[in-house]
C-alpha atoms as a PDB file:
ATOM      1  CA  UNK A   1     -28.514 -40.707 -35.090  1.00  0.00           C
ATOM      2  CA  UNK A   2     -27.431 -39.763 -38.378  1.00  0.00           C
ATOM      3  CA  UNK A   3     -26.446 -35.796 -39.034  1.00  0.00           C
ATOM      4  CA  UNK A   4     -25.615 -34.364 -42.329  1.00  0.00           C
ATOM      5  CA  UNK A   5     -22.247 -33.045 -42.862  1.00  0.00           C
ATOM      6  CA  UNK A   6     -23.372 -29.667 -43.758  1.00  0.00           C
ATOM      7  CA  UNK A   7     -25.119 -29.329 -40.500  1.00  0.00           C
ATOM      8  CA  UNK A   8     -21.926 -30.550 -38.446  1.00  0.00           C
ATOM      9  CA  UNK A   9     -19.730 -28.102 -40.407  1.00  0.00           C
ATOM     10  CA  UNK A  10     -22.342 -25.434 -39.581  1.00  0.00           C
ATOM     11  CA  UNK A  11     -22.110 -26.054 -35.919  1.00  0.00           C
ATOM     12  CA  UNK A  12     -18.388 -26.201 -35.786  1.00  0.00           C
ATOM     13  CA  UNK A  13     -18.216 -23.036 -37.521  1.00  0.00           C
ATOM     14  CA  UNK A  14     -20.527 -21.465 -35.032  1.00  0.00           C
ATOM     15  CA  UNK A  15     -18.330 -22.679 -32.199  1.00  0.00           C
ATOM     16  CA  UNK A  16     -15.021 -21.407 -33.962  1.00  0.00           C
ATOM     17  CA  UNK A  17     -16.786 -17.945 -34.219  1.00  0.00           C
ATOM     18  CA  UNK A  18     -17.806 -18.053 -30.751  1.00  0.00           C
ATOM     19  CA  UNK A  19     -14.276 -18.906 -29.488  1.00  0.00           C
ATOM     20  CA  UNK A  20     -12.861 -16.308 -31.825  1.00  0.00           C
ATOM     21  CA  UNK A  21     -15.037 -13.662 -30.214  1.00  0.00           C
ATOM     22  CA  UNK A  22     -14.204 -14.738 -26.835  1.00  0.00           C
ATOM     23  CA  UNK A  23     -10.417 -14.621 -27.662  1.00  0.00           C
ATOM     24  CA  UNK A  24     -10.901 -10.998 -29.078  1.00  0.00           C
ATOM     25  CA  UNK A  25     -12.785  -9.827 -26.017  1.00  0.00           C
ATOM     26  CA  UNK A  26      -9.998 -11.322 -23.846  1.00  0.00           C
ATOM     27  CA  UNK A  27      -7.237  -9.757 -26.002  1.00  0.00           C
ATOM     28  CA  UNK A  28      -9.110  -6.346 -25.942  1.00  0.00           C
ATOM     29  CA  UNK A  29      -9.558  -6.328 -22.096  1.00  0.00           C
ATOM     30  CA  UNK A  30      -5.784  -7.326 -21.483  1.00  0.00           C
ATOM     31  CA  UNK A  31      -4.815  -4.490 -23.866  1.00  0.00           C
ATOM     32  CA  UNK A  32      -7.252  -1.821 -21.999  1.00  0.00           C
ATOM     33  CA  UNK A  33      -5.792  -3.151 -18.721  1.00  0.00           C
ATOM     34  CA  UNK A  34      -2.275  -2.948 -19.709  1.00  0.00           C
ATOM     35  CA  UNK A  35      -2.675   0.602 -21.164  1.00  0.00           C
ATOM     36  CA  UNK A  36      -4.406   1.574 -17.847  1.00  0.00           C
ATOM     37  CA  UNK A  37      -1.366  -0.088 -15.909  1.00  0.00           C
ATOM     38  CA  UNK A  38       1.256   1.727 -18.006  1.00  0.00           C
ATOM     39  CA  UNK A  39      -0.637   5.043 -17.922  1.00  0.00           C
ATOM     40  CA  UNK A  40      -0.393   4.932 -14.125  1.00  0.00           C
ATOM     41  CA  UNK A  41       3.457   4.022 -14.273  1.00  0.00           C
ATOM     42  CA  UNK A  42       4.092   6.362 -16.805  1.00  0.00           C
ATOM     43  CA  UNK A  43       6.086   9.594 -15.596  1.00  0.00           C
ATOM     44  CA  UNK A  44       5.933  12.505 -18.110  1.00  0.00           C
ATOM     45  CA  UNK A  45       9.304  13.674 -16.900  1.00  0.00           C
ATOM     46  CA  UNK A  46      11.009  10.484 -17.814  1.00  0.00           C
ATOM     47  CA  UNK A  47       9.268  10.359 -21.138  1.00  0.00           C
ATOM     48  CA  UNK A  48      10.601  13.802 -21.989  1.00  0.00           C
ATOM     49  CA  UNK A  49      14.026  13.107 -20.772  1.00  0.00           C
ATOM     50  CA  UNK A  50      14.099   9.725 -22.933  1.00  0.00           C
ATOM     51  CA  UNK A  51      12.702  11.735 -26.067  1.00  0.00           C
ATOM     52  CA  UNK A  52      15.528  14.568 -25.638  1.00  0.00           C
ATOM     53  CA  UNK A  53      17.936  11.562 -25.149  1.00  0.00           C
ATOM     54  CA  UNK A  54      16.770  10.154 -28.650  1.00  0.00           C
ATOM     55  CA  UNK A  55      16.906  13.592 -30.183  1.00  0.00           C
ATOM     56  CA  UNK A  56      20.608  14.004 -28.992  1.00  0.00           C
ATOM     57  CA  UNK A  57      21.517  10.676 -30.351  1.00  0.00           C
ATOM     58  CA  UNK A  58      19.859  11.567 -33.700  1.00  0.00           C
ATOM     59  CA  UNK A  59      21.731  14.857 -33.567  1.00  0.00           C
ATOM     60  CA  UNK A  60      25.054  12.851 -32.746  1.00  0.00           C
ATOM     61  CA  UNK A  61      24.221  10.683 -35.977  1.00  0.00           C
ATOM     62  CA  UNK A  62      23.805  13.537 -38.214  1.00  0.00           C
ATOM     63  CA  UNK A  63      27.139  15.007 -37.217  1.00  0.00           C
ATOM     64  CA  UNK A  64      28.622  11.695 -37.735  1.00  0.00           C
ATOM     65  CA  UNK A  65      27.449  11.860 -41.166  1.00  0.00           C
ATOM     66  CA  UNK A  66      28.641  15.313 -41.729  1.00  0.00           C
ATOM     67  CA  UNK A  67      32.027  14.043 -40.551  1.00  0.00           C
ATOM     68  CA  UNK A  68      31.980  11.247 -42.710  1.00  0.00           C
ATOM     69  CA  UNK A  69      30.975  13.096 -45.964  1.00  0.00           C
ATOM     70  CA  UNK A  70      33.548  15.755 -45.149  1.00  0.00           C
ATOM     71  CA  UNK A  71      36.255  13.048 -44.764  1.00  0.00           C
ATOM     72  CA  UNK A  72      35.203  11.713 -48.100  1.00  0.00           C
ATOM     73  CA  UNK A  73      35.501  15.063 -49.656  1.00  0.00           C
ATOM     74  CA  UNK A  74      38.809  15.805 -48.447  1.00  0.00           C
ATOM     75  CA  UNK A  75      39.981  12.375 -49.582  1.00  0.00           C
ATOM     76  CA  UNK A  76      38.648  13.184 -53.145  1.00  0.00           C
ATOM     77  CA  UNK A  77      40.444  16.532 -52.871  1.00  0.00           C
ATOM     78  CA  UNK A  78      43.637  14.713 -52.093  1.00  0.00           C
ATOM     79  CA  UNK A  79      43.123  12.363 -54.989  1.00  0.00           C
ATOM     80  CA  UNK A  80      42.413  15.205 -57.419  1.00  0.00           C
ATOM     81  CA  UNK A  81      45.759  17.046 -56.221  1.00  0.00           C
ATOM     82  CA  UNK A  82      47.633  13.794 -56.985  1.00  0.00           C
ATOM     83  CA  UNK A  83      46.026  13.523 -60.392  1.00  0.00           C
ATOM     84  CA  UNK A  84      46.865  17.384 -60.896  1.00  0.00           C
ATOM     85  CA  UNK A  85      50.396  16.589 -60.253  1.00  0.00           C
ATOM     86  CA  UNK A  86      50.780  13.650 -62.395  1.00  0.00           C
ATOM     87  CA  UNK A  87      49.006  15.648 -65.171  1.00  0.00           C
ATOM     88  CA  UNK A  88      51.676  18.456 -64.844  1.00  0.00           C
ATOM     89  CA  UNK A  89      54.473  15.797 -64.822  1.00  0.00           C
ATOM     90  CA  UNK A  90      53.180  13.959 -67.998  1.00  0.00           C
ATOM     91  CA  UNK A  91      52.953  17.411 -69.657  1.00  0.00           C
ATOM     92  CA  UNK A  92      56.370  18.272 -68.914  1.00  0.00           C
ATOM     93  CA  UNK A  93      57.735  14.815 -70.107  1.00  0.00           C
ATOM     94  CA  UNK A  94      55.948  15.247 -73.387  1.00  0.00           C
ATOM     95  CA  UNK A  95      57.738  18.708 -73.838  1.00  0.00           C
ATOM     96  CA  UNK A  96      61.034  17.091 -73.182  1.00  0.00           C
ATOM     97  CA  UNK A  97      60.415  14.153 -75.472  1.00  0.00           C
ATOM     98  CA  UNK A  98      59.425  16.439 -78.187  1.00  0.00           C
ATOM     99  CA  UNK A  99      62.708  18.619 -77.388  1.00  0.00           C
ATOM    100  CA  UNK A 100      64.897  15.370 -77.927  1.00  0.00           C
ATOM    101  CA  UNK A 101      62.765  14.325 -81.146  1.00  0.00           C
ATOM    102  CA  UNK A 102      60.999  11.486 -79.309  1.00  0.00           C
ATOM    103  CA  UNK A 103      57.636  12.059 -80.673  1.00  0.00           C
ATOM    104  CA  UNK A 104      56.420   8.625 -79.511  1.00  0.00           C
ATOM    105  CA  UNK A 105      57.301   9.098 -76.210  1.00  0.00           C
ATOM    106  CA  UNK A 106      55.438  12.510 -76.307  1.00  0.00           C
ATOM    107  CA  UNK A 107      52.402  10.868 -77.655  1.00  0.00           C
ATOM    108  CA  UNK A 108      52.361   8.146 -75.040  1.00  0.00           C
ATOM    109  CA  UNK A 109      52.786  10.821 -72.237  1.00  0.00           C
ATOM    110  CA  UNK A 110      49.776  13.114 -73.638  1.00  0.00           C
ATOM    111  CA  UNK A 111      47.827   9.828 -73.879  1.00  0.00           C
ATOM    112  CA  UNK A 112      48.342   8.954 -70.286  1.00  0.00           C
ATOM    113  CA  UNK A 113      47.597  12.744 -69.330  1.00  0.00           C
ATOM    114  CA  UNK A 114      44.298  12.493 -70.986  1.00  0.00           C
ATOM    115  CA  UNK A 115      43.207   9.365 -68.927  1.00  0.00           C
ATOM    116  CA  UNK A 116      44.391  11.185 -65.781  1.00  0.00           C
ATOM    117  CA  UNK A 117      42.290  14.122 -66.938  1.00  0.00           C
ATOM    118  CA  UNK A 118      39.096  12.033 -67.386  1.00  0.00           C
ATOM    119  CA  UNK A 119      39.647  10.818 -63.815  1.00  0.00           C
ATOM    120  CA  UNK A 120      40.175  14.188 -62.477  1.00  0.00           C
ATOM    121  CA  UNK A 121      36.855  15.177 -64.128  1.00  0.00           C
ATOM    122  CA  UNK A 122      35.281  12.233 -62.432  1.00  0.00           C
ATOM    123  CA  UNK A 123      36.745  13.400 -59.133  1.00  0.00           C
ATOM    124  CA  UNK A 124      35.795  16.903 -59.449  1.00  0.00           C
ATOM    125  CA  UNK A 125      32.150  15.761 -60.051  1.00  0.00           C
ATOM    126  CA  UNK A 126      32.217  13.517 -57.158  1.00  0.00           C
ATOM    127  CA  UNK A 127      33.815  16.443 -55.126  1.00  0.00           C
ATOM    128  CA  UNK A 128      31.070  18.607 -56.081  1.00  0.00           C
ATOM    129  CA  UNK A 129      28.449  16.103 -55.038  1.00  0.00           C
ATOM    130  CA  UNK A 130      30.011  15.389 -51.830  1.00  0.00           C
ATOM    131  CA  UNK A 131      30.601  18.984 -51.088  1.00  0.00           C
ATOM    132  CA  UNK A 132      26.841  19.550 -51.931  1.00  0.00           C
ATOM    133  CA  UNK A 133      25.890  16.580 -49.450  1.00  0.00           C
ATOM    134  CA  UNK A 134      28.180  17.902 -46.889  1.00  0.00           C
ATOM    135  CA  UNK A 135      26.324  21.553 -47.048  1.00  0.00           C
ATOM    136  CA  UNK A 136      23.104  19.975 -46.941  1.00  0.00           C
ATOM    137  CA  UNK A 137      23.886  17.657 -43.800  1.00  0.00           C
ATOM    138  CA  UNK A 138      25.570  20.804 -42.119  1.00  0.00           C
ATOM    139  CA  UNK A 139      22.192  22.801 -42.622  1.00  0.00           C
ATOM    140  CA  UNK A 140      20.061  19.699 -41.259  1.00  0.00           C
ATOM    141  CA  UNK A 141      22.584  19.501 -38.399  1.00  0.00           C
ATOM    142  CA  UNK A 142      22.030  22.997 -37.439  1.00  0.00           C
ATOM    143  CA  UNK A 143      18.329  23.040 -37.861  1.00  0.00           C
ATOM    144  CA  UNK A 144      18.193  19.780 -35.655  1.00  0.00           C
ATOM    145  CA  UNK A 145      20.508  21.491 -32.987  1.00  0.00           C
ATOM    146  CA  UNK A 146      18.161  24.315 -32.832  1.00  0.00           C
ATOM    147  CA  UNK A 147      15.118  22.077 -32.531  1.00  0.00           C
ATOM    148  CA  UNK A 148      16.729  19.969 -29.773  1.00  0.00           C
ATOM    149  CA  UNK A 149      17.708  23.215 -28.028  1.00  0.00           C
ATOM    150  CA  UNK A 150      14.102  24.431 -28.200  1.00  0.00           C
ATOM    151  CA  UNK A 151      12.847  21.012 -27.171  1.00  0.00           C
ATOM    152  CA  UNK A 152      15.140  21.155 -24.157  1.00  0.00           C
ATOM    153  CA  UNK A 153      13.928  24.365 -23.019  1.00  0.00           C
ATOM    154  CA  UNK A 154      10.399  23.318 -23.342  1.00  0.00           C
ATOM    155  CA  UNK A 155      11.306  20.138 -21.550  1.00  0.00           C
ATOM    156  CA  UNK A 156      12.541  21.752 -18.617  1.00  0.00           C
ATOM    157  CA  UNK A 157       9.681  24.170 -18.428  1.00  0.00           C
ATOM    158  CA  UNK A 158       7.200  21.289 -18.715  1.00  0.00           C
ATOM    159  CA  UNK A 159       8.951  19.272 -15.991  1.00  0.00           C
ATOM    160  CA  UNK A 160       9.178  22.113 -13.731  1.00  0.00           C
ATOM    161  CA  UNK A 161       5.482  22.826 -14.138  1.00  0.00           C
ATOM    162  CA  UNK A 162       4.637  19.180 -13.525  1.00  0.00           C
ATOM    163  CA  UNK A 163       6.509  18.891 -10.580  1.00  0.00           C
ATOM    164  CA  UNK A 164       5.040  22.079  -8.993  1.00  0.00           C
ATOM    165  CA  UNK A 165       1.567  20.913  -9.913  1.00  0.00           C
ATOM    166  CA  UNK A 166       2.391  17.405  -8.381  1.00  0.00           C
ATOM    167  CA  UNK A 167       3.631  18.930  -5.112  1.00  0.00           C
ATOM    168  CA  UNK A 168       0.669  21.071  -5.204  1.00  0.00           C
ATOM    169  CA  UNK A 169      -1.759  18.254  -5.491  1.00  0.00           C
ATOM    170  CA  UNK A 170       0.063  16.261  -2.707  1.00  0.00           C
ATOM    171  CA  UNK A 171      -0.384  19.206  -0.393  1.00  0.00           C
ATOM    172  CA  UNK A 172      -4.023  19.652  -1.224  1.00  0.00           C
ATOM    173  CA  UNK A 173      -4.685  15.944  -0.846  1.00  0.00           C
ATOM    174  CA  UNK A 174      -2.832  16.026   2.482  1.00  0.00           C
ATOM    175  CA  UNK A 175      -4.792  18.896   3.669  1.00  0.00           C
ATOM    176  CA  UNK A 176      -8.150  17.568   2.474  1.00  0.00           C
ATOM    177  CA  UNK A 177      -7.327  14.166   4.230  1.00  0.00           C
ATOM    178  CA  UNK A 178      -8.131  12.272   0.924  1.00  0.00           C
ATOM    179  CA  UNK A 179      -4.527  10.852   0.323  1.00  0.00           C
ATOM    180  CA  UNK A 180      -3.590   7.548   1.084  1.00  0.00           C
ATOM    181  CA  UNK A 181      -1.230   8.101   4.049  1.00  0.00           C
ATOM    182  CA  UNK A 182      -3.755  10.802   5.559  1.00  0.00           C
ATOM    183  CA  UNK A 183      -6.737   8.306   4.812  1.00  0.00           C
ATOM    184  CA  UNK A 184      -4.762   5.468   6.884  1.00  0.00           C
ATOM    185  CA  UNK A 185      -4.147   8.009   9.784  1.00  0.00           C
ATOM    186  CA  UNK A 186      -7.644   9.064   9.924  1.00  0.00           C
ATOM    187  CA  UNK A 187      -8.888   5.533   9.962  1.00  0.00           C
ATOM    188  CA  UNK A 188      -6.540   4.793  12.719  1.00  0.00           C
ATOM    189  CA  UNK A 189      -7.729   7.741  14.812  1.00  0.00           C
ATOM    190  CA  UNK A 190     -11.317   7.045  14.265  1.00  0.00           C
ATOM    191  CA  UNK A 191     -10.805   3.221  15.251  1.00  0.00           C
ATOM    192  CA  UNK A 192      -8.992   4.437  18.494  1.00  0.00           C
ATOM    193  CA  UNK A 193     -11.699   6.708  19.307  1.00  0.00           C
ATOM    194  CA  UNK A 194     -14.451   4.257  18.833  1.00  0.00           C
ATOM    195  CA  UNK A 195     -12.590   1.773  20.934  1.00  0.00           C
ATOM    196  CA  UNK A 196     -12.048   4.509  23.693  1.00  0.00           C
ATOM    197  CA  UNK A 197     -15.701   5.256  23.693  1.00  0.00           C
ATOM    198  CA  UNK A 198     -16.717   1.507  23.899  1.00  0.00           C
ATOM    199  CA  UNK A 199     -14.379   0.946  26.736  1.00  0.00           C
ATOM    200  CA  UNK A 200     -15.779   3.979  28.575  1.00  0.00           C
ATOM    201  CA  UNK A 201     -19.554   3.007  27.933  1.00  0.00           C
ATOM    202  CA  UNK A 202     -18.602  -0.592  29.228  1.00  0.00           C
ATOM    203  CA  UNK A 203     -16.834   1.005  32.348  1.00  0.00           C
ATOM    204  CA  UNK A 204     -19.828   3.015  32.993  1.00  0.00           C
ATOM    205  CA  UNK A 205     -22.217   0.159  32.677  1.00  0.00           C
ATOM    206  CA  UNK A 206     -20.226  -1.940  34.877  1.00  0.00           C
ATOM    207  CA  UNK A 207     -20.089   0.690  37.726  1.00  0.00           C
ATOM    208  CA  UNK A 208     -23.978   1.380  37.503  1.00  0.00           C
ATOM    209  CA  UNK A 209     -24.602  -2.650  37.564  1.00  0.00           C
ATOM    210  CA  UNK A 210     -22.165  -2.602  40.837  1.00  0.00           C
ATOM    211  CA  UNK A 211     -23.634   0.048  42.349  1.00  0.00           C
ATOM    212  CA  UNK A 212     -27.139  -1.134  41.903  1.00  0.00           C
ATOM    213  CA  UNK A 213     -26.317  -4.510  43.133  1.00  0.00           C
ATOM    214  CA  UNK A 214     -27.125  -6.242  39.966  1.00  0.00           C
ATOM    215  CA  UNK A 215     -23.287  -7.605  39.978  1.00  0.00           C
ATOM    216  CA  UNK A 216     -21.668  -9.049  42.902  1.00  0.00           C
ATOM    217  CA  UNK A 217     -17.875  -7.616  43.662  1.00  0.00           C
ATOM    218  CA  UNK A 218     -15.756 -10.367  44.612  1.00  0.00           C
ATOM    219  CA  UNK A 219     -13.378  -8.052  46.658  1.00  0.00           C
ATOM    220  CA  UNK A 220     -16.238  -6.696  48.706  1.00  0.00           C
ATOM    221  CA  UNK A 221     -15.185  -3.264  48.210  1.00  0.00           C
ATOM    222  CA  UNK A 222     -18.103  -2.021  45.981  1.00  0.00           C
ATOM    223  CA  UNK A 223     -21.310  -1.255  47.939  1.00  0.00           C
ATOM    224  CA  UNK A 224     -24.908  -0.406  46.677  1.00  0.00           C
ATOM    225  CA  UNK A 225     -26.629   2.672  47.410  1.00  0.00           C
ATOM    226  CA  UNK A 226     -28.538   1.402  50.336  1.00  0.00           C
ATOM    227  CA  UNK A 227     -25.531   0.434  52.253  1.00  0.00           C
ATOM    228  CA  UNK A 228     -23.562   3.504  51.524  1.00  0.00           C
ATOM    229  CA  UNK A 229     -26.658   5.371  53.051  1.00  0.00           C
ATOM    230  CA  UNK A 230     -26.793   3.278  56.047  1.00  0.00           C
ATOM    231  CA  UNK A 231     -23.163   3.681  56.796  1.00  0.00           C
ATOM    232  CA  UNK A 232     -23.269   7.418  56.218  1.00  0.00           C
ATOM    233  CA  UNK A 233     -26.199   7.575  58.705  1.00  0.00           C
ATOM    234  CA  UNK A 234     -24.068   5.745  61.327  1.00  0.00           C
ATOM    235  CA  UNK A 235     -21.180   7.781  60.497  1.00  0.00           C
ATOM    236  CA  UNK A 236     -23.263  11.029  61.191  1.00  0.00           C
ATOM    237  CA  UNK A 237     -24.808   9.558  64.322  1.00  0.00           C
ATOM    238  CA  UNK A 238     -21.278   8.831  65.662  1.00  0.00           C
ATOM    239  CA  UNK A 239     -20.001  12.152  64.700  1.00  0.00           C
ATOM    240  CA  UNK A 240     -23.156  13.943  66.473  1.00  0.00           C
ATOM    241  CA  UNK A 241     -22.441  11.731  69.784  1.00  0.00           C
ATOM    242  CA  UNK A 242     -18.721  12.492  69.848  1.00  0.00           C
ATOM    243  CA  UNK A 243     -19.717  16.311  69.355  1.00  0.00           C
ATOM    244  CA  UNK A 244     -22.214  16.109  72.271  1.00  0.00           C
ATOM    245  CA  UNK A 245     -19.706  14.196  74.643  1.00  0.00           C
ATOM    246  CA  UNK A 246     -17.151  17.021  73.785  1.00  0.00           C
ATOM    247  CA  UNK A 247     -19.516  19.715  74.566  1.00  0.00           C
ATOM    248  CA  UNK A 248     -20.286  17.939  77.666  1.00  0.00           C
ATOM    249  CA  UNK A 249     -16.577  18.019  78.767  1.00  0.00           C
ATOM    250  CA  UNK A 250     -16.201  21.550  77.823  1.00  0.00           C
ATOM    251  CA  UNK A 251     -19.364  22.442  80.002  1.00  0.00           C
ATOM    252  CA  UNK A 252     -17.854  20.520  83.096  1.00  0.00           C
ATOM    253  CA  UNK A 253     -14.246  22.004  82.666  1.00  0.00           C
ATOM    254  CA  UNK A 254     -14.748  25.400  84.817  1.00  0.00           C
ATOM    255  CA  UNK A 255     -16.205  23.730  87.817  1.00  0.00           C
ATOM    256  CA  UNK A 256     -13.183  21.390  87.909  1.00  0.00           C
ATOM    257  CA  UNK A 257     -10.551  23.912  87.461  1.00  0.00           C
ATOM    258  CA  UNK A 258     -10.494  25.308  91.061  1.00  0.00           C
ATOM    259  CA  UNK A 259      -9.148  22.464  92.719  1.00  0.00           C
ATOM    260  CA  UNK A 260      -6.930  21.831  89.934  1.00  0.00           C
ATOM    261  CA  UNK A 261      -5.466  25.321  90.241  1.00  0.00           C
ATOM    262  CA  UNK A 262      -4.908  24.890  94.169  1.00  0.00           C
ATOM    263  CA  UNK A 263      -3.472  21.556  93.882  1.00  0.00           C
ATOM    264  CA  UNK A 264      -1.119  22.341  90.633  1.00  0.00           C
ATOM    265  CA  UNK A 265      -1.440  21.135  87.205  1.00  0.00           C
ATOM    266  CA  UNK A 266      -0.579  17.586  88.015  1.00  0.00           C
ATOM    267  CA  UNK A 267      -3.467  17.232  90.534  1.00  0.00           C
ATOM    268  CA  UNK A 268      -6.262  14.766  89.512  1.00  0.00           C
ATOM    269  CA  UNK A 269      -9.829  15.899  89.824  1.00  0.00           C
ATOM    270  CA  UNK A 270     -11.693  15.653  92.900  1.00  0.00           C
ATOM    271  CA  UNK A 271     -12.982  12.339  93.794  1.00  0.00           C
ATOM    272  CA  UNK A 272     -10.226  10.906  91.714  1.00  0.00           C
ATOM    273  CA  UNK A 273      -7.315  11.284  94.340  1.00  0.00           C
ATOM    274  CA  UNK A 274      -5.021   8.500  95.251  1.00  0.00           C
ATOM    275  CA  UNK A 275      -5.877   6.645  98.602  1.00  0.00           C
ATOM    276  CA  UNK A 276      -2.691   7.599 100.297  1.00  0.00           C
ATOM    277  CA  UNK A 277      -2.230  11.314  99.082  1.00  0.00           C
ATOM    278  CA  UNK A 278      -3.574  14.083 100.988  1.00  0.00           C
ATOM    279  CA  UNK A 279      -5.640  16.753  99.504  1.00  0.00           C
ATOM    280  CA  UNK A 280      -3.272  19.671  98.444  1.00  0.00           C
ATOM    281  CA  UNK A 281      -0.097  17.641  98.791  1.00  0.00           C
ATOM    282  CA  UNK A 282       2.178  17.213  95.986  1.00  0.00           C
ATOM    283  CA  UNK A 283       2.606  13.695  94.533  1.00  0.00           C
ATOM    284  CA  UNK A 284       4.991  11.320  96.288  1.00  0.00           C
ATOM    285  CA  UNK A 285       8.130  10.956  94.496  1.00  0.00           C
ATOM    286  CA  UNK A 286       9.892   7.506  94.112  1.00  0.00           C
ATOM    287  CA  UNK A 287      12.768   7.006  96.996  1.00  0.00           C
ATOM    288  CA  UNK A 288      11.602   9.945  99.224  1.00  0.00           C
ATOM    289  CA  UNK A 289       9.735   9.393 102.746  1.00  0.00           C
ATOM    290  CA  UNK A 290       6.172   9.704 102.580  1.00  0.00           C
ATOM    291  CA  UNK A 291       4.917  13.321 103.183  1.00  0.00           C
ATOM    292  CA  UNK A 292       3.184  14.260 106.457  1.00  0.00           C
ATOM    293  CA  UNK A 293      -0.530  14.932 106.427  1.00  0.00           C
ATOM    294  CA  UNK A 294      -1.484  18.466 106.293  1.00  0.00           C
ATOM    295  CA  UNK A 295      -1.634  20.218 109.648  1.00  0.00           C
ATOM    296  CA  UNK A 296       0.397  17.542 111.671  1.00  0.00           C
ATOM    297  CA  UNK A 297       4.013  18.165 112.920  1.00  0.00           C
ATOM    298  CA  UNK A 298       6.852  16.131 111.783  1.00  0.00           C
ATOM    299  CA  UNK A 299       7.714  13.040 113.561  1.00  0.00           C
ATOM    300  CA  UNK A 300       9.472  13.279 116.932  1.00  0.00           C
ATOM    301  CA  UNK A 301       8.222  16.810 117.394  1.00  0.00           C
ATOM    302  CA  UNK A 302       5.714  17.681 119.869  1.00  0.00           C
ATOM    303  CA  UNK A 303       2.771  19.942 118.798  1.00  0.00           C
ATOM    304  CA  UNK A 304       2.827  23.510 119.969  1.00  0.00           C
ATOM    305  CA  UNK A 305       0.251  23.875 122.685  1.00  0.00           C
ATOM    306  CA  UNK A 306      -0.410  27.453 121.721  1.00  0.00           C
ATOM    307  CA  UNK A 307      -0.870  26.792 118.077  1.00  0.00           C
ATOM    308  CA  UNK A 308      -4.524  27.143 117.497  1.00  0.00           C
ATOM    309  CA  UNK A 309      -4.085  24.568 115.040  1.00  0.00           C
END
């Protein structure tokens, strides 16, 4: 399909404009992001210290300039002093030449003195210029020194205020719990509480299911409500039976206490005596001869005829 060159150039221009607009937006976004990141990283105290350092460096340069101008002025003064010495010497030489009749030598000495006087005039003008420059730099150095001192005082005040405000902000954030550290701690505590509540709910649900018999306990230790009630009833019945039996024994105790008192504490109850043991006799000890029945004489002794027994 044929396309006119003008239309093609128009489309190309539109694409170029679109790309240029995209690049401009990307550049703008990048500058904005960079400025925001730098603003977070910037510390006003460090910026103030850097500015104070730059002012000190400028003050040092001004002082160095004053010293250089003063050195140049001193060099000009020395040159002027040397020219004055030469001028005085040429004047004396011209006078001596005239005294001896050497007018030509006197004229030559005066000509040289005239050239030296011109140089001296130039040096004096340069000296005045250097002296004025030195005075100006000295005043500038003094003003700059006063500004640096004032800036240092203000800098320290701003730094102290900023540090106090930063500390107060951190304290308030710590108390309110909106700081990053306290936020992390609060989230950890919340997670621990949620897990604890979940574990407690799960344990309670399992206990209820075991108690109702919906779940079987492999160990056999868990019992449902009906089993526990039946066992409690059986235990209560056994307790009542044991209590009745003990009461019966206590009721039969006084009737059996008489024979036991006559026979001694070690005599068994009536009806439970040993077959070979006579009533009222102490138990037979091992290794001793058997006791005689009650009312009978010992072996080998005749009974007493007069004994009513």
